[in-house]
Amino acid sequence: MTDLFDLFDIDGVEVPKKEKKVKRKRITNDKVDFIYTDSMSEVLGDMAVKAGLKWGIQSGSAKSYHGINPVTFIDNDYFNYDHKVHLEVVKLHRPKYATVQDLMTEEQCAEHKIKYHPFEQIMDWAEELRQYAENVIVIPKYLDCLPRIPDYFMWGFSAGGWLGNSSFGKGNQVGPENFIGHRTHILGASWKHQLNFMEIIGDSCVSLDNNSISKIAVYGTFVWPDGSTGKLKEDLGLNVTNNWHTALVISFG
């Protein structure tokens, strides 16, 4: 029988050779803030924190959250940005990181069917958020805006949008190489892709958030340390009644 606690020892997990891609240096929590974002479940947030991760929420679906675990990261409702609501939640929790509405062109907004906000308006919102968040994350999705972003803001890399596989970011024109030299937060994508982007961005990557591990855990799928995936039954011989929480805890570890 496999001891689940053994799986929390990342160095002790042997990844199947056929899954290994590139040997990477281990990235530890003292260099990057690893954040699990989930507004709907305090239980999962508690599990993530106990496993050593930070916890993030989305302001649009967490207006009344008053849980016991500290909120490190607050994202916004990308499709229906409500600055008043977002500001209230950020003001309540005073997080280490908070996003503001993405910087997008009118054409990009039309493609996503979201309201366009000019650069100046988003910068005004970001300045307001600075009063209550240690780091405000500005998410640029077109190249022309990059020289105009004040240096004191962090940059957010829309990883899913760059890959073209996320409804939250298709059409992102700003690739990972553009973030070198700027304190960066990686938003979205799989753990495997996030590892690859961290290699490109290097030490400029100071934080990232992930909830794709929750989506795949529903099917009993977890991630190995190198980003490849495994199955509870096929790879670990575990036949459990709760695939989701079991797989997710292993991924947290």
C-alpha atoms as a PDB file:
ATOM      1  CA  MET A   1       0.000   0.000   0.000  1.00  0.00           C
ATOM      2  CA  THR A   2       1.315   3.474  -0.894  1.00  0.00           C
ATOM      3  CA  ASP A   3       1.787   5.856   2.021  1.00  0.00           C
ATOM      4  CA  LEU A   4       0.333   9.188   0.846  1.00  0.00           C
ATOM      5  CA  PHE A   5       2.624  11.125   3.175  1.00  0.00           C
ATOM      6  CA  ASP A   6       5.628   9.751   1.284  1.00  0.00           C
ATOM      7  CA  LEU A   7       4.366  11.598  -1.786  1.00  0.00           C
ATOM      8  CA  PHE A   8       4.911  14.961  -0.103  1.00  0.00           C
ATOM      9  CA  ASP A   9       8.667  14.336  -0.266  1.00  0.00           C
ATOM     10  CA  ILE A  10       9.261  15.728  -3.737  1.00  0.00           C
ATOM     11  CA  ASP A  11      12.853  14.502  -3.849  1.00  0.00           C
ATOM     12  CA  GLY A  12      11.642  10.999  -3.060  1.00  0.00           C
ATOM     13  CA  VAL A  13       9.168  10.747  -5.933  1.00  0.00           C
ATOM     14  CA  GLU A  14      10.524   8.858  -8.907  1.00  0.00           C
ATOM     15  CA  VAL A  15       9.093  10.211 -12.126  1.00  0.00           C
ATOM     16  CA  PRO A  16       8.669   7.556 -14.848  1.00  0.00           C
ATOM     17  CA  LYS A  17      11.601   7.836 -17.257  1.00  0.00           C
ATOM     18  CA  LYS A  18       9.374   8.064 -20.304  1.00  0.00           C
ATOM     19  CA  GLU A  19       7.810  11.237 -18.843  1.00  0.00           C
ATOM     20  CA  LYS A  20      11.052  13.057 -18.125  1.00  0.00           C
ATOM     21  CA  LYS A  21      11.771  15.963 -20.429  1.00  0.00           C
ATOM     22  CA  VAL A  22      14.391  18.383 -19.146  1.00  0.00           C
ATOM     23  CA  LYS A  23      16.260  18.074 -15.860  1.00  0.00           C
ATOM     24  CA  ARG A  24      15.527  21.258 -13.957  1.00  0.00           C
ATOM     25  CA  LYS A  25      16.889  22.709 -10.772  1.00  0.00           C
ATOM     26  CA  ARG A  26      14.399  22.439  -7.974  1.00  0.00           C
ATOM     27  CA  ILE A  27      12.529  25.702  -7.415  1.00  0.00           C
ATOM     28  CA  THR A  28      11.734  26.251  -3.743  1.00  0.00           C
ATOM     29  CA  ASN A  29       9.254  28.368  -1.833  1.00  0.00           C
ATOM     30  CA  ASP A  30      11.948  30.766  -0.616  1.00  0.00           C
ATOM     31  CA  LYS A  31      12.448  31.978  -4.199  1.00  0.00           C
ATOM     32  CA  VAL A  32       8.898  31.952  -5.607  1.00  0.00           C
ATOM     33  CA  ASP A  33       5.464  32.334  -3.983  1.00  0.00           C
ATOM     34  CA  PHE A  34       3.424  29.355  -5.166  1.00  0.00           C
ATOM     35  CA  ILE A  35      -0.278  30.196  -4.908  1.00  0.00           C
ATOM     36  CA  TYR A  36      -3.326  27.984  -5.267  1.00  0.00           C
ATOM     37  CA  THR A  37      -6.317  30.098  -6.316  1.00  0.00           C
ATOM     38  CA  ASP A  38      -9.779  28.909  -5.292  1.00  0.00           C
ATOM     39  CA  SER A  39     -12.529  31.257  -4.108  1.00  0.00           C
ATOM     40  CA  MET A  40     -15.192  28.624  -3.626  1.00  0.00           C
ATOM     41  CA  SER A  41     -13.689  26.189  -1.122  1.00  0.00           C
ATOM     42  CA  GLU A  42     -12.156  27.145   2.198  1.00  0.00           C
ATOM     43  CA  VAL A  43     -11.406  23.442   2.716  1.00  0.00           C
ATOM     44  CA  LEU A  44      -9.165  23.310  -0.358  1.00  0.00           C
ATOM     45  CA  GLY A  45      -7.530  26.585   0.608  1.00  0.00           C
ATOM     46  CA  ASP A  46      -6.776  25.137   4.025  1.00  0.00           C
ATOM     47  CA  MET A  47      -5.314  21.991   2.440  1.00  0.00           C
ATOM     48  CA  ALA A  48      -3.088  24.082   0.184  1.00  0.00           C
ATOM     49  CA  VAL A  49      -1.787  26.214   3.054  1.00  0.00           C
ATOM     50  CA  LYS A  50      -1.080  23.136   5.201  1.00  0.00           C
ATOM     51  CA  ALA A  51       0.915  21.678   2.285  1.00  0.00           C
ATOM     52  CA  GLY A  52       3.082  24.806   2.154  1.00  0.00           C
ATOM     53  CA  LEU A  53       1.444  26.837  -0.620  1.00  0.00           C
ATOM     54  CA  LYS A  54      -0.122  30.280  -0.425  1.00  0.00           C
ATOM     55  CA  TRP A  55      -3.802  30.870  -1.061  1.00  0.00           C
ATOM     56  CA  GLY A  56      -5.486  33.132  -3.589  1.00  0.00           C
ATOM     57  CA  ILE A  57      -9.093  34.129  -4.296  1.00  0.00           C
ATOM     58  CA  GLN A  58     -11.021  35.977  -6.996  1.00  0.00           C
ATOM     59  CA  SER A  59     -12.752  39.103  -5.754  1.00  0.00           C
ATOM     60  CA  GLY A  60     -15.854  38.602  -7.898  1.00  0.00           C
ATOM     61  CA  SER A  61     -16.750  35.325  -6.188  1.00  0.00           C
ATOM     62  CA  ALA A  62     -15.371  35.984  -2.710  1.00  0.00           C
ATOM     63  CA  LYS A  63     -17.018  39.211  -1.597  1.00  0.00           C
ATOM     64  CA  SER A  64     -17.860  37.917   1.866  1.00  0.00           C
ATOM     65  CA  TYR A  65     -14.973  35.548   2.563  1.00  0.00           C
ATOM     66  CA  HIS A  66     -13.725  35.759   6.163  1.00  0.00           C
ATOM     67  CA  GLY A  67     -11.753  32.501   6.493  1.00  0.00           C
ATOM     68  CA  ILE A  68      -8.944  31.770   8.901  1.00  0.00           C
ATOM     69  CA  ASN A  69      -6.168  31.412   6.327  1.00  0.00           C
ATOM     70  CA  PRO A  70      -4.415  34.549   5.081  1.00  0.00           C
ATOM     71  CA  VAL A  71      -5.190  35.579   1.495  1.00  0.00           C
ATOM     72  CA  THR A  72      -1.925  36.154  -0.355  1.00  0.00           C
ATOM     73  CA  PHE A  73      -3.286  36.838  -3.843  1.00  0.00           C
ATOM     74  CA  ILE A  74      -6.497  38.447  -5.094  1.00  0.00           C
ATOM     75  CA  ASP A  75      -7.408  38.182  -8.763  1.00  0.00           C
ATOM     76  CA  ASN A  76     -10.296  39.972 -10.456  1.00  0.00           C
ATOM     77  CA  ASP A  77     -13.273  38.918 -12.567  1.00  0.00           C
ATOM     78  CA  TYR A  78     -11.690  39.346 -15.970  1.00  0.00           C
ATOM     79  CA  PHE A  79     -14.942  39.273 -17.939  1.00  0.00           C
ATOM     80  CA  ASN A  80     -16.907  41.560 -15.627  1.00  0.00           C
ATOM     81  CA  TYR A  81     -14.361  43.784 -13.925  1.00  0.00           C
ATOM     82  CA  ASP A  82     -15.999  45.722 -11.105  1.00  0.00           C
ATOM     83  CA  HIS A  83     -13.381  47.986  -9.598  1.00  0.00           C
ATOM     84  CA  LYS A  84     -15.524  48.954  -6.619  1.00  0.00           C
ATOM     85  CA  VAL A  85     -16.016  45.309  -5.594  1.00  0.00           C
ATOM     86  CA  HIS A  86     -12.392  44.408  -6.326  1.00  0.00           C
ATOM     87  CA  LEU A  87     -11.104  47.358  -4.306  1.00  0.00           C
ATOM     88  CA  GLU A  88     -13.344  46.454  -1.345  1.00  0.00           C
ATOM     89  CA  VAL A  89     -12.039  42.874  -1.235  1.00  0.00           C
ATOM     90  CA  VAL A  90      -8.413  43.999  -1.574  1.00  0.00           C
ATOM     91  CA  LYS A  91      -8.959  46.593   1.146  1.00  0.00           C
ATOM     92  CA  LEU A  92     -10.418  43.911   3.433  1.00  0.00           C
ATOM     93  CA  HIS A  93      -7.570  41.400   3.050  1.00  0.00           C
ATOM     94  CA  ARG A  94      -4.539  43.630   2.338  1.00  0.00           C
ATOM     95  CA  PRO A  95      -2.867  40.894   0.242  1.00  0.00           C
ATOM     96  CA  LYS A  96       0.721  40.585  -0.867  1.00  0.00           C
ATOM     97  CA  TYR A  97      -0.444  40.517  -4.503  1.00  0.00           C
ATOM     98  CA  ALA A  98      -3.505  41.902  -6.293  1.00  0.00           C
ATOM     99  CA  THR A  99      -4.259  42.169 -10.002  1.00  0.00           C
ATOM    100  CA  VAL A 100      -6.016  44.953 -11.842  1.00  0.00           C
ATOM    101  CA  GLN A 101      -7.996  44.676 -15.092  1.00  0.00           C
ATOM    102  CA  ASP A 102      -5.834  43.524 -18.026  1.00  0.00           C
ATOM    103  CA  LEU A 103      -4.308  46.080 -20.373  1.00  0.00           C
ATOM    104  CA  MET A 104      -5.903  45.292 -23.743  1.00  0.00           C
ATOM    105  CA  THR A 105      -6.616  46.996 -27.043  1.00  0.00           C
ATOM    106  CA  GLU A 106     -10.152  47.779 -28.179  1.00  0.00           C
ATOM    107  CA  GLU A 107      -9.864  44.959 -30.704  1.00  0.00           C
ATOM    108  CA  GLN A 108      -8.842  42.439 -28.051  1.00  0.00           C
ATOM    109  CA  CYS A 109     -11.737  43.479 -25.830  1.00  0.00           C
ATOM    110  CA  ALA A 110     -14.206  43.198 -28.707  1.00  0.00           C
ATOM    111  CA  GLU A 111     -12.959  39.666 -29.410  1.00  0.00           C
ATOM    112  CA  HIS A 112     -13.602  38.711 -25.782  1.00  0.00           C
ATOM    113  CA  LYS A 113     -16.870  40.617 -25.571  1.00  0.00           C
ATOM    114  CA  ILE A 114     -15.720  42.604 -22.556  1.00  0.00           C
ATOM    115  CA  LYS A 115     -15.854  46.334 -21.913  1.00  0.00           C
ATOM    116  CA  TYR A 116     -12.824  48.287 -23.076  1.00  0.00           C
ATOM    117  CA  HIS A 117     -11.029  50.484 -20.556  1.00  0.00           C
ATOM    118  CA  PRO A 118      -8.253  52.836 -21.689  1.00  0.00           C
ATOM    119  CA  PHE A 119      -4.712  52.577 -20.336  1.00  0.00           C
ATOM    120  CA  GLU A 120      -5.076  55.704 -18.187  1.00  0.00           C
ATOM    121  CA  GLN A 121      -8.195  54.395 -16.441  1.00  0.00           C
ATOM    122  CA  ILE A 122      -6.553  51.073 -15.569  1.00  0.00           C
ATOM    123  CA  MET A 123      -3.491  52.875 -14.210  1.00  0.00           C
ATOM    124  CA  ASP A 124      -5.744  55.014 -12.000  1.00  0.00           C
ATOM    125  CA  TRP A 125      -7.351  51.826 -10.640  1.00  0.00           C
ATOM    126  CA  ALA A 126      -3.923  50.291 -10.069  1.00  0.00           C
ATOM    127  CA  GLU A 127      -2.864  53.357  -8.076  1.00  0.00           C
ATOM    128  CA  GLU A 128      -5.933  52.974  -5.847  1.00  0.00           C
ATOM    129  CA  LEU A 129      -5.147  49.313  -5.223  1.00  0.00           C
ATOM    130  CA  ARG A 130      -1.579  50.236  -4.215  1.00  0.00           C
ATOM    131  CA  GLN A 131      -2.954  51.663  -0.984  1.00  0.00           C
ATOM    132  CA  TYR A 132      -4.038  48.196   0.178  1.00  0.00           C
ATOM    133  CA  ALA A 133      -1.887  45.625  -1.663  1.00  0.00           C
ATOM    134  CA  GLU A 134       1.841  45.176  -1.220  1.00  0.00           C
ATOM    135  CA  ASN A 135       2.229  44.470  -4.935  1.00  0.00           C
ATOM    136  CA  VAL A 136      -0.207  45.453  -7.697  1.00  0.00           C
ATOM    137  CA  ILE A 137       0.043  43.238 -10.770  1.00  0.00           C
ATOM    138  CA  VAL A 138      -0.540  44.905 -14.150  1.00  0.00           C
ATOM    139  CA  ILE A 139      -1.252  42.421 -16.952  1.00  0.00           C
ATOM    140  CA  PRO A 140      -0.140  43.737 -20.361  1.00  0.00           C
ATOM    141  CA  LYS A 141      -1.490  41.990 -23.451  1.00  0.00           C
ATOM    142  CA  TYR A 142      -0.210  44.283 -26.190  1.00  0.00           C
ATOM    143  CA  LEU A 143       3.368  45.425 -26.742  1.00  0.00           C
ATOM    144  CA  ASP A 144       2.861  49.176 -27.166  1.00  0.00           C
ATOM    145  CA  CYS A 145       1.781  49.655 -23.562  1.00  0.00           C
ATOM    146  CA  LEU A 146       4.935  48.179 -22.000  1.00  0.00           C
ATOM    147  CA  PRO A 147       7.086  51.377 -21.905  1.00  0.00           C
ATOM    148  CA  ARG A 148       4.219  53.264 -20.260  1.00  0.00           C
ATOM    149  CA  ILE A 149       3.852  51.036 -17.179  1.00  0.00           C
ATOM    150  CA  PRO A 150       5.413  52.626 -14.053  1.00  0.00           C
ATOM    151  CA  ASP A 151       8.347  50.642 -12.680  1.00  0.00           C
ATOM    152  CA  TYR A 152       6.806  50.127  -9.243  1.00  0.00           C
ATOM    153  CA  PHE A 153       4.079  47.834 -10.610  1.00  0.00           C
ATOM    154  CA  MET A 154       4.620  44.104 -11.025  1.00  0.00           C
ATOM    155  CA  TRP A 155       3.861  42.578 -14.414  1.00  0.00           C
ATOM    156  CA  GLY A 156       1.505  39.654 -14.879  1.00  0.00           C
ATOM    157  CA  PHE A 157       2.168  37.136 -17.640  1.00  0.00           C
ATOM    158  CA  SER A 158      -1.057  35.636 -19.017  1.00  0.00           C
ATOM    159  CA  ALA A 159       0.392  32.183 -19.646  1.00  0.00           C
ATOM    160  CA  GLY A 160      -2.834  30.567 -20.834  1.00  0.00           C
ATOM    161  CA  GLY A 161      -3.451  33.412 -23.245  1.00  0.00           C
ATOM    162  CA  TRP A 162       0.046  33.155 -24.698  1.00  0.00           C
ATOM    163  CA  LEU A 163      -0.474  29.428 -25.283  1.00  0.00           C
ATOM    164  CA  GLY A 164      -3.843  30.136 -26.882  1.00  0.00           C
ATOM    165  CA  ASN A 165      -5.660  27.595 -24.732  1.00  0.00           C
ATOM    166  CA  SER A 166      -7.451  29.835 -22.248  1.00  0.00           C
ATOM    167  CA  SER A 167     -10.688  31.786 -22.623  1.00  0.00           C
ATOM    168  CA  PHE A 168      -9.153  34.229 -20.146  1.00  0.00           C
ATOM    169  CA  GLY A 169      -6.331  35.279 -22.369  1.00  0.00           C
ATOM    170  CA  LYS A 170      -6.490  34.384 -26.073  1.00  0.00           C
ATOM    171  CA  GLY A 171      -4.816  37.013 -28.163  1.00  0.00           C
ATOM    172  CA  ASN A 172      -2.090  37.897 -25.678  1.00  0.00           C
ATOM    173  CA  GLN A 173       0.696  39.519 -27.707  1.00  0.00           C
ATOM    174  CA  VAL A 174       3.284  39.761 -24.896  1.00  0.00           C
ATOM    175  CA  GLY A 175       5.512  36.682 -24.695  1.00  0.00           C
ATOM    176  CA  PRO A 176       7.546  35.449 -21.706  1.00  0.00           C
ATOM    177  CA  GLU A 177      10.808  36.920 -22.986  1.00  0.00           C
ATOM    178  CA  ASN A 178       9.290  40.415 -22.580  1.00  0.00           C
ATOM    179  CA  PHE A 179       9.073  39.901 -18.821  1.00  0.00           C
ATOM    180  CA  ILE A 180      12.776  39.353 -18.204  1.00  0.00           C
ATOM    181  CA  GLY A 181      13.997  42.120 -15.917  1.00  0.00           C
ATOM    182  CA  HIS A 182      10.538  42.898 -14.519  1.00  0.00           C
ATOM    183  CA  ARG A 183       9.133  41.404 -11.306  1.00  0.00           C
ATOM    184  CA  THR A 184       6.625  38.955 -12.724  1.00  0.00           C
ATOM    185  CA  HIS A 185       3.618  36.896 -11.655  1.00  0.00           C
ATOM    186  CA  ILE A 186       2.625  33.977 -13.923  1.00  0.00           C
ATOM    187  CA  LEU A 187      -1.133  33.592 -14.286  1.00  0.00           C
ATOM    188  CA  GLY A 188      -2.679  30.281 -15.275  1.00  0.00           C
ATOM    189  CA  ALA A 189      -1.639  27.350 -17.484  1.00  0.00           C
ATOM    190  CA  SER A 190      -0.502  23.914 -16.341  1.00  0.00           C
ATOM    191  CA  TRP A 191       2.307  23.282 -13.858  1.00  0.00           C
ATOM    192  CA  LYS A 192       4.405  21.882 -16.723  1.00  0.00           C
ATOM    193  CA  HIS A 193       4.012  25.071 -18.762  1.00  0.00           C
ATOM    194  CA  GLN A 194       4.601  27.249 -15.721  1.00  0.00           C
ATOM    195  CA  LEU A 195       7.915  25.477 -15.113  1.00  0.00           C
ATOM    196  CA  ASN A 196       8.921  26.168 -18.718  1.00  0.00           C
ATOM    197  CA  PHE A 197       7.979  29.840 -18.445  1.00  0.00           C
ATOM    198  CA  MET A 198       9.901  30.179 -15.166  1.00  0.00           C
ATOM    199  CA  GLU A 199      12.990  28.939 -16.979  1.00  0.00           C
ATOM    200  CA  ILE A 200      12.571  31.676 -19.599  1.00  0.00           C
ATOM    201  CA  ILE A 201      11.696  34.505 -17.203  1.00  0.00           C
ATOM    202  CA  GLY A 202      14.309  33.380 -14.681  1.00  0.00           C
ATOM    203  CA  ASP A 203      14.746  35.193 -11.378  1.00  0.00           C
ATOM    204  CA  SER A 204      12.304  37.874 -12.523  1.00  0.00           C
ATOM    205  CA  CYS A 205       9.483  35.436 -11.734  1.00  0.00           C
ATOM    206  CA  VAL A 206       8.620  36.011  -8.077  1.00  0.00           C
ATOM    207  CA  SER A 207       5.144  34.454  -7.893  1.00  0.00           C
ATOM    208  CA  LEU A 208       2.589  32.367  -9.761  1.00  0.00           C
ATOM    209  CA  ASP A 209      -0.901  31.050  -9.229  1.00  0.00           C
ATOM    210  CA  ASN A 210      -2.433  27.812 -10.423  1.00  0.00           C
ATOM    211  CA  ASN A 211      -5.816  26.128 -10.319  1.00  0.00           C
ATOM    212  CA  SER A 212      -5.413  23.741 -13.240  1.00  0.00           C
ATOM    213  CA  ILE A 213      -4.344  21.063 -10.744  1.00  0.00           C
ATOM    214  CA  SER A 214      -7.865  21.244  -9.297  1.00  0.00           C
ATOM    215  CA  LYS A 215      -9.468  20.776 -12.714  1.00  0.00           C
ATOM    216  CA  ILE A 216      -7.467  17.650 -13.536  1.00  0.00           C
ATOM    217  CA  ALA A 217      -7.800  16.231 -10.005  1.00  0.00           C
ATOM    218  CA  VAL A 218     -11.518  15.650 -10.642  1.00  0.00           C
ATOM    219  CA  TYR A 219     -10.431  12.803 -12.944  1.00  0.00           C
ATOM    220  CA  GLY A 220      -7.941  11.339 -10.470  1.00  0.00           C
ATOM    221  CA  THR A 221      -5.005  13.020 -12.217  1.00  0.00           C
ATOM    222  CA  PHE A 222      -2.148  14.639 -10.307  1.00  0.00           C
ATOM    223  CA  VAL A 223       1.137  16.323 -11.274  1.00  0.00           C
ATOM    224  CA  TRP A 224       4.642  15.032 -10.684  1.00  0.00           C
ATOM    225  CA  PRO A 225       7.328  17.572  -9.700  1.00  0.00           C
ATOM    226  CA  ASP A 226       8.533  17.915 -13.313  1.00  0.00           C
ATOM    227  CA  GLY A 227       5.052  18.835 -14.572  1.00  0.00           C
ATOM    228  CA  SER A 228       4.125  15.486 -16.100  1.00  0.00           C
ATOM    229  CA  THR A 229       0.904  13.899 -14.877  1.00  0.00           C
ATOM    230  CA  GLY A 230      -0.016  10.620 -13.216  1.00  0.00           C
ATOM    231  CA  LYS A 231      -3.167   8.696 -12.359  1.00  0.00           C
ATOM    232  CA  LEU A 232      -4.095   7.567  -8.870  1.00  0.00           C
ATOM    233  CA  LYS A 233      -5.094   4.047  -9.880  1.00  0.00           C
ATOM    234  CA  GLU A 234      -2.766   3.350 -12.786  1.00  0.00           C
ATOM    235  CA  ASP A 235       0.414   4.930 -11.382  1.00  0.00           C
ATOM    236  CA  LEU A 236      -0.004   4.604  -7.621  1.00  0.00           C
ATOM    237  CA  GLY A 237      -2.376   1.665  -7.281  1.00  0.00           C
ATOM    238  CA  LEU A 238      -4.848   3.771  -5.301  1.00  0.00           C
ATOM    239  CA  ASN A 239      -8.532   2.927  -5.649  1.00  0.00           C
ATOM    240  CA  VAL A 240     -10.195   5.692  -3.633  1.00  0.00           C
ATOM    241  CA  THR A 241     -13.714   7.040  -3.343  1.00  0.00           C
ATOM    242  CA  ASN A 242     -12.606  10.676  -3.491  1.00  0.00           C
ATOM    243  CA  ASN A 243     -10.392  11.164  -6.547  1.00  0.00           C
ATOM    244  CA  TRP A 244     -10.540  14.935  -6.448  1.00  0.00           C
ATOM    245  CA  HIS A 245      -9.214  15.663  -2.961  1.00  0.00           C
ATOM    246  CA  THR A 246      -6.709  12.791  -2.997  1.00  0.00           C
ATOM    247  CA  ALA A 247      -5.162  13.783  -6.331  1.00  0.00           C
ATOM    248  CA  LEU A 248      -5.195  17.457  -5.391  1.00  0.00           C
ATOM    249  CA  VAL A 249      -3.380  16.899  -2.099  1.00  0.00           C
ATOM    250  CA  ILE A 250      -0.675  14.938  -3.926  1.00  0.00           C
ATOM    251  CA  SER A 251      -0.290  17.795  -6.415  1.00  0.00           C
ATOM    252  CA  PHE A 252      -0.080  20.294  -3.543  1.00  0.00           C
ATOM    253  CA  GLY A 253       2.703  18.233  -2.017  1.00  0.00           C
END
